Amino acid sequence: MCDENPLPTRPVLYSPPAPEALDAFARQVCQRLGTEYMEYEIVEGFSAFIKVVAEIQAKHLSKQSEISEAS
């Protein structure tokens, strides 16, 4: 039998990668840039920056999903 009333679809909720994964990524990038980029403040600052960007991007993608579902 065919269901005439399909369940409404929910928008996709995006979330950023785990903080530990972003920390590891930041360390890897700094390491590849050279020893002068391996200072604690540089690695931590870059990691914090990546976390902010990832959070903004996840919120943006989630908002876009809501908008496209409403259309």
PDB file of N, CA and C in Angstrom:
ATOM      1  N   MET A   1       0.836  -1.171   0.000  1.00  0.00           N
ATOM      2  CA  MET A   1       0.000   0.000   0.000  1.00  0.00           C
ATOM      3  C   MET A   1       0.887   1.242   0.000  1.00  0.00           C
ATOM      4  N   CYS A   2       0.491   2.244  -0.711  1.00  0.00           N
ATOM      5  CA  CYS A   2       1.264   3.480  -0.827  1.00  0.00           C
ATOM      6  C   CYS A   2       0.861   4.447   0.280  1.00  0.00           C
ATOM      7  N   ASP A   3       1.839   5.007   0.929  1.00  0.00           N
ATOM      8  CA  ASP A   3       1.590   5.972   1.992  1.00  0.00           C
ATOM      9  C   ASP A   3       1.310   7.333   1.357  1.00  0.00           C
ATOM     10  N   GLU A   4       0.098   7.826   1.500  1.00  0.00           N
ATOM     11  CA  GLU A   4      -0.286   9.089   0.878  1.00  0.00           C
ATOM     12  C   GLU A   4       0.207  10.295   1.660  1.00  0.00           C
ATOM     13  N   ASN A   5       0.522  10.120   2.913  1.00  0.00           N
ATOM     14  CA  ASN A   5       1.013  11.212   3.756  1.00  0.00           C
ATOM     15  C   ASN A   5       2.435  10.907   4.215  1.00  0.00           C
ATOM     16  N   PRO A   6       3.419  11.182   3.351  1.00  0.00           N
ATOM     17  CA  PRO A   6       4.799  10.890   3.769  1.00  0.00           C
ATOM     18  C   PRO A   6       5.200  11.760   4.955  1.00  0.00           C
ATOM     19  N   LEU A   7       6.100  11.232   5.747  1.00  0.00           N
ATOM     20  CA  LEU A   7       6.593  11.985   6.891  1.00  0.00           C
ATOM     21  C   LEU A   7       7.339  13.222   6.414  1.00  0.00           C
ATOM     22  N   PRO A   8       7.175  14.325   7.109  1.00  0.00           N
ATOM     23  CA  PRO A   8       7.923  15.526   6.704  1.00  0.00           C
ATOM     24  C   PRO A   8       9.415  15.315   6.921  1.00  0.00           C
ATOM     25  N   THR A   9      10.191  15.836   5.993  1.00  0.00           N
ATOM     26  CA  THR A   9      11.642  15.713   6.136  1.00  0.00           C
ATOM     27  C   THR A   9      12.147  16.825   7.036  1.00  0.00           C
ATOM     28  N   ARG A  10      13.132  16.483   7.837  1.00  0.00           N
ATOM     29  CA  ARG A  10      13.740  17.475   8.723  1.00  0.00           C
ATOM     30  C   ARG A  10      14.994  18.014   8.060  1.00  0.00           C
ATOM     31  N   PRO A  11      15.286  19.279   8.271  1.00  0.00           N
ATOM     32  CA  PRO A  11      16.519  19.830   7.700  1.00  0.00           C
ATOM     33  C   PRO A  11      17.747  19.153   8.310  1.00  0.00           C
ATOM     34  N   VAL A  12      18.801  19.131   7.542  1.00  0.00           N
ATOM     35  CA  VAL A  12      20.057  18.544   8.000  1.00  0.00           C
ATOM     36  C   VAL A  12      20.693  19.499   9.007  1.00  0.00           C
ATOM     37  N   LEU A  13      21.180  18.956  10.103  1.00  0.00           N
ATOM     38  CA  LEU A  13      21.877  19.755  11.113  1.00  0.00           C
ATOM     39  C   LEU A  13      23.363  19.434  11.028  1.00  0.00           C
ATOM     40  N   TYR A  14      24.136  20.393  10.622  1.00  0.00           N
ATOM     41  CA  TYR A  14      25.577  20.207  10.485  1.00  0.00           C
ATOM     42  C   TYR A  14      26.267  20.557  11.796  1.00  0.00           C
ATOM     43  N   SER A  15      27.348  19.869  12.074  1.00  0.00           N
ATOM     44  CA  SER A  15      28.146  20.181  13.251  1.00  0.00           C
ATOM     45  C   SER A  15      29.624  20.159  12.856  1.00  0.00           C
ATOM     46  N   PRO A  16      30.422  20.978  13.514  1.00  0.00           N
ATOM     47  CA  PRO A  16      31.848  21.022  13.168  1.00  0.00           C
ATOM     48  C   PRO A  16      32.554  19.746  13.639  1.00  0.00           C
ATOM     49  N   PRO A  17      33.732  19.486  13.109  1.00  0.00           N
ATOM     50  CA  PRO A  17      34.509  18.342  13.582  1.00  0.00           C
ATOM     51  C   PRO A  17      34.827  18.471  15.080  1.00  0.00           C
ATOM     52  N   ALA A  18      35.179  17.366  15.681  1.00  0.00           N
ATOM     53  CA  ALA A  18      35.532  17.355  17.105  1.00  0.00           C
ATOM     54  C   ALA A  18      36.712  18.293  17.354  1.00  0.00           C
ATOM     55  N   PRO A  19      36.708  18.983  18.494  1.00  0.00           N
ATOM     56  CA  PRO A  19      37.819  19.897  18.803  1.00  0.00           C
ATOM     57  C   PRO A  19      39.183  19.213  18.757  1.00  0.00           C
ATOM     58  N   GLU A  20      39.240  17.964  19.187  1.00  0.00           N
ATOM     59  CA  GLU A  20      40.512  17.234  19.172  1.00  0.00           C
ATOM     60  C   GLU A  20      41.020  17.048  17.749  1.00  0.00           C
ATOM     61  N   ALA A  21      40.109  16.806  16.814  1.00  0.00           N
ATOM     62  CA  ALA A  21      40.501  16.634  15.414  1.00  0.00           C
ATOM     63  C   ALA A  21      41.032  17.950  14.848  1.00  0.00           C
ATOM     64  N   LEU A  22      40.402  19.051  15.228  1.00  0.00           N
ATOM     65  CA  LEU A  22      40.863  20.352  14.750  1.00  0.00           C
ATOM     66  C   LEU A  22      42.203  20.726  15.375  1.00  0.00           C
ATOM     67  N   ASP A  23      42.402  20.372  16.638  1.00  0.00           N
ATOM     68  CA  ASP A  23      43.703  20.596  17.283  1.00  0.00           C
ATOM     69  C   ASP A  23      44.806  19.831  16.549  1.00  0.00           C
ATOM     70  N   ALA A  24      44.531  18.576  16.234  1.00  0.00           N
ATOM     71  CA  ALA A  24      45.514  17.742  15.543  1.00  0.00           C
ATOM     72  C   ALA A  24      45.806  18.310  14.155  1.00  0.00           C
ATOM     73  N   PHE A  25      44.771  18.758  13.465  1.00  0.00           N
ATOM     74  CA  PHE A  25      44.954  19.350  12.141  1.00  0.00           C
ATOM     75  C   PHE A  25      45.827  20.597  12.227  1.00  0.00           C
ATOM     76  N   ALA A  26      45.553  21.460  13.192  1.00  0.00           N
ATOM     77  CA  ALA A  26      46.342  22.685  13.361  1.00  0.00           C
ATOM     78  C   ALA A  26      47.810  22.352  13.620  1.00  0.00           C
ATOM     79  N   ARG A  27      48.054  21.354  14.482  1.00  0.00           N
ATOM     80  CA  ARG A  27      49.442  20.939  14.755  1.00  0.00           C
ATOM     81  C   ARG A  27      50.124  20.449  13.484  1.00  0.00           C
ATOM     82  N   GLN A  28      49.417  19.650  12.684  1.00  0.00           N
ATOM     83  CA  GLN A  28      49.994  19.113  11.454  1.00  0.00           C
ATOM     84  C   GLN A  28      50.336  20.228  10.468  1.00  0.00           C
ATOM     85  N   VAL A  29      49.426  21.193  10.331  1.00  0.00           N
ATOM     86  CA  VAL A  29      49.680  22.312   9.413  1.00  0.00           C
ATOM     87  C   VAL A  29      50.897  23.105   9.878  1.00  0.00           C
ATOM     88  N   CYS A  30      50.931  23.441  11.157  1.00  0.00           N
ATOM     89  CA  CYS A  30      52.060  24.216  11.689  1.00  0.00           C
ATOM     90  C   CYS A  30      53.369  23.447  11.550  1.00  0.00           C
ATOM     91  N   GLN A  31      53.332  22.159  11.778  1.00  0.00           N
ATOM     92  CA  GLN A  31      54.531  21.335  11.659  1.00  0.00           C
ATOM     93  C   GLN A  31      55.046  21.348  10.224  1.00  0.00           C
ATOM     94  N   ARG A  32      54.131  21.273   9.266  1.00  0.00           N
ATOM     95  CA  ARG A  32      54.549  21.272   7.860  1.00  0.00           C
ATOM     96  C   ARG A  32      55.064  22.637   7.415  1.00  0.00           C
ATOM     97  N   LEU A  33      54.614  23.693   8.092  1.00  0.00           N
ATOM     98  CA  LEU A  33      55.099  25.033   7.752  1.00  0.00           C
ATOM     99  C   LEU A  33      56.519  25.263   8.247  1.00  0.00           C
ATOM    100  N   GLY A  34      56.928  24.525   9.262  1.00  0.00           N
ATOM    101  CA  GLY A  34      58.294  24.649   9.758  1.00  0.00           C
ATOM    102  C   GLY A  34      58.337  24.843  11.259  1.00  0.00           C
ATOM    103  N   THR A  35      59.517  24.661  11.812  1.00  0.00           N
ATOM    104  CA  THR A  35      59.679  24.705  13.267  1.00  0.00           C
ATOM    105  C   THR A  35      59.319  26.058  13.864  1.00  0.00           C
ATOM    106  N   GLU A  36      59.500  27.126  13.100  1.00  0.00           N
ATOM    107  CA  GLU A  36      59.157  28.441  13.644  1.00  0.00           C
ATOM    108  C   GLU A  36      57.652  28.617  13.864  1.00  0.00           C
ATOM    109  N   TYR A  37      56.843  27.745  13.281  1.00  0.00           N
ATOM    110  CA  TYR A  37      55.390  27.789  13.472  1.00  0.00           C
ATOM    111  C   TYR A  37      54.909  26.816  14.549  1.00  0.00           C
ATOM    112  N   MET A  38      55.814  26.127  15.194  1.00  0.00           N
ATOM    113  CA  MET A  38      55.435  25.135  16.205  1.00  0.00           C
ATOM    114  C   MET A  38      55.394  25.712  17.617  1.00  0.00           C
ATOM    115  N   GLU A  39      55.518  27.015  17.754  1.00  0.00           N
ATOM    116  CA  GLU A  39      55.402  27.618  19.075  1.00  0.00           C
ATOM    117  C   GLU A  39      53.980  27.433  19.579  1.00  0.00           C
ATOM    118  N   TYR A  40      53.867  27.249  20.893  1.00  0.00           N
ATOM    119  CA  TYR A  40      52.569  26.961  21.513  1.00  0.00           C
ATOM    120  C   TYR A  40      51.503  27.988  21.121  1.00  0.00           C
ATOM    121  N   GLU A  41      51.839  29.266  21.203  1.00  0.00           N
ATOM    122  CA  GLU A  41      50.866  30.327  20.929  1.00  0.00           C
ATOM    123  C   GLU A  41      50.375  30.295  19.490  1.00  0.00           C
ATOM    124  N   ILE A  42      51.260  29.971  18.570  1.00  0.00           N
ATOM    125  CA  ILE A  42      50.895  29.921  17.150  1.00  0.00           C
ATOM    126  C   ILE A  42      49.951  28.749  16.897  1.00  0.00           C
ATOM    127  N   VAL A  43      50.318  27.579  17.399  1.00  0.00           N
ATOM    128  CA  VAL A  43      49.480  26.397  17.194  1.00  0.00           C
ATOM    129  C   VAL A  43      48.113  26.585  17.845  1.00  0.00           C
ATOM    130  N   GLU A  44      48.099  27.064  19.075  1.00  0.00           N
ATOM    131  CA  GLU A  44      46.829  27.254  19.784  1.00  0.00           C
ATOM    132  C   GLU A  44      45.974  28.340  19.125  1.00  0.00           C
ATOM    133  N   GLY A  45      46.598  29.399  18.686  1.00  0.00           N
ATOM    134  CA  GLY A  45      45.861  30.466  18.008  1.00  0.00           C
ATOM    135  C   GLY A  45      45.263  29.992  16.695  1.00  0.00           C
ATOM    136  N   PHE A  46      46.038  29.243  15.944  1.00  0.00           N
ATOM    137  CA  PHE A  46      45.539  28.710  14.675  1.00  0.00           C
ATOM    138  C   PHE A  46      44.404  27.722  14.932  1.00  0.00           C
ATOM    139  N   SER A  47      44.559  26.889  15.935  1.00  0.00           N
ATOM    140  CA  SER A  47      43.514  25.930  16.289  1.00  0.00           C
ATOM    141  C   SER A  47      42.228  26.653  16.682  1.00  0.00           C
ATOM    142  N   ALA A  48      42.343  27.694  17.482  1.00  0.00           N
ATOM    143  CA  ALA A  48      41.162  28.467  17.893  1.00  0.00           C
ATOM    144  C   ALA A  48      40.490  29.099  16.673  1.00  0.00           C
ATOM    145  N   PHE A  49      41.292  29.618  15.763  1.00  0.00           N
ATOM    146  CA  PHE A  49      40.753  30.212  14.541  1.00  0.00           C
ATOM    147  C   PHE A  49      39.981  29.175  13.726  1.00  0.00           C
ATOM    148  N   ILE A  50      40.560  27.998  13.550  1.00  0.00           N
ATOM    149  CA  ILE A  50      39.902  26.939  12.779  1.00  0.00           C
ATOM    150  C   ILE A  50      38.583  26.540  13.441  1.00  0.00           C
ATOM    151  N   LYS A  51      38.571  26.470  14.764  1.00  0.00           N
ATOM    152  CA  LYS A  51      37.343  26.105  15.479  1.00  0.00           C
ATOM    153  C   LYS A  51      36.235  27.125  15.247  1.00  0.00           C
ATOM    154  N   VAL A  52      36.593  28.407  15.259  1.00  0.00           N
ATOM    155  CA  VAL A  52      35.597  29.458  15.019  1.00  0.00           C
ATOM    156  C   VAL A  52      35.064  29.350  13.592  1.00  0.00           C
ATOM    157  N   VAL A  53      35.956  29.181  12.631  1.00  0.00           N
ATOM    158  CA  VAL A  53      35.541  29.073  11.232  1.00  0.00           C
ATOM    159  C   VAL A  53      34.657  27.839  11.031  1.00  0.00           C
ATOM    160  N   ALA A  54      35.023  26.717  11.632  1.00  0.00           N
ATOM    161  CA  ALA A  54      34.232  25.489  11.492  1.00  0.00           C
ATOM    162  C   ALA A  54      32.838  25.663  12.093  1.00  0.00           C
ATOM    163  N   GLU A  55      32.754  26.342  13.226  1.00  0.00           N
ATOM    164  CA  GLU A  55      31.454  26.590  13.865  1.00  0.00           C
ATOM    165  C   GLU A  55      30.587  27.499  12.996  1.00  0.00           C
ATOM    166  N   ILE A  56      31.175  28.540  12.448  1.00  0.00           N
ATOM    167  CA  ILE A  56      30.436  29.453  11.566  1.00  0.00           C
ATOM    168  C   ILE A  56      29.948  28.707  10.336  1.00  0.00           C
ATOM    169  N   GLN A  57      30.799  27.896   9.743  1.00  0.00           N
ATOM    170  CA  GLN A  57      30.431  27.152   8.538  1.00  0.00           C
ATOM    171  C   GLN A  57      29.320  26.151   8.829  1.00  0.00           C
ATOM    172  N   ALA A  58      29.400  25.457   9.953  1.00  0.00           N
ATOM    173  CA  ALA A  58      28.357  24.491  10.317  1.00  0.00           C
ATOM    174  C   ALA A  58      27.014  25.198  10.506  1.00  0.00           C
ATOM    175  N   LYS A  59      27.026  26.341  11.175  1.00  0.00           N
ATOM    176  CA  LYS A  59      25.784  27.103  11.360  1.00  0.00           C
ATOM    177  C   LYS A  59      25.233  27.586  10.028  1.00  0.00           C
ATOM    178  N   HIS A  60      26.117  28.043   9.157  1.00  0.00           N
ATOM    179  CA  HIS A  60      25.692  28.512   7.836  1.00  0.00           C
ATOM    180  C   HIS A  60      25.059  27.375   7.032  1.00  0.00           C
ATOM    181  N   LEU A  61      25.710  26.226   7.011  1.00  0.00           N
ATOM    182  CA  LEU A  61      25.172  25.086   6.264  1.00  0.00           C
ATOM    183  C   LEU A  61      23.840  24.609   6.847  1.00  0.00           C
ATOM    184  N   SER A  62      23.720  24.619   8.163  1.00  0.00           N
ATOM    185  CA  SER A  62      22.463  24.221   8.794  1.00  0.00           C
ATOM    186  C   SER A  62      21.355  25.199   8.425  1.00  0.00           C
ATOM    187  N   LYS A  63      21.672  26.477   8.415  1.00  0.00           N
ATOM    188  CA  LYS A  63      20.683  27.499   8.048  1.00  0.00           C
ATOM    189  C   LYS A  63      20.263  27.324   6.590  1.00  0.00           C
ATOM    190  N   GLN A  64      21.222  27.056   5.710  1.00  0.00           N
ATOM    191  CA  GLN A  64      20.914  26.825   4.310  1.00  0.00           C
ATOM    192  C   GLN A  64      20.011  25.611   4.145  1.00  0.00           C
ATOM    193  N   SER A  65      20.240  24.587   4.944  1.00  0.00           N
ATOM    194  CA  SER A  65      19.415  23.385   4.895  1.00  0.00           C
ATOM    195  C   SER A  65      17.987  23.696   5.299  1.00  0.00           C
ATOM    196  N   GLU A  66      17.828  24.520   6.333  1.00  0.00           N
ATOM    197  CA  GLU A  66      16.489  24.922   6.780  1.00  0.00           C
ATOM    198  C   GLU A  66      15.768  25.688   5.679  1.00  0.00           C
ATOM    199  N   ILE A  67      16.487  26.581   5.032  1.00  0.00           N
ATOM    200  CA  ILE A  67      15.889  27.411   3.975  1.00  0.00           C
ATOM    201  C   ILE A  67      15.460  26.540   2.796  1.00  0.00           C
ATOM    202  N   SER A  68      16.317  25.608   2.390  1.00  0.00           N
ATOM    203  CA  SER A  68      15.983  24.775   1.241  1.00  0.00           C
ATOM    204  C   SER A  68      14.846  23.812   1.546  1.00  0.00           C
ATOM    205  N   GLU A  69      14.715  23.371   2.781  1.00  0.00           N
ATOM    206  CA  GLU A  69      13.614  22.510   3.179  1.00  0.00           C
ATOM    207  C   GLU A  69      12.286  23.269   3.198  1.00  0.00           C
ATOM    208  N   ALA A  70      12.356  24.560   3.529  1.00  0.00           N
ATOM    209  CA  ALA A  70      11.144  25.377   3.612  1.00  0.00           C
ATOM    210  C   ALA A  70      10.605  25.720   2.216  1.00  0.00           C
ATOM    211  N   SER A  71      11.471  25.666   1.225  1.00  0.00           N
ATOM    212  CA  SER A  71      11.063  26.034  -0.146  1.00  0.00           C
ATOM    213  C   SER A  71      10.253  24.966  -0.809  1.00  0.00           C
TER     214      SER A  71
END
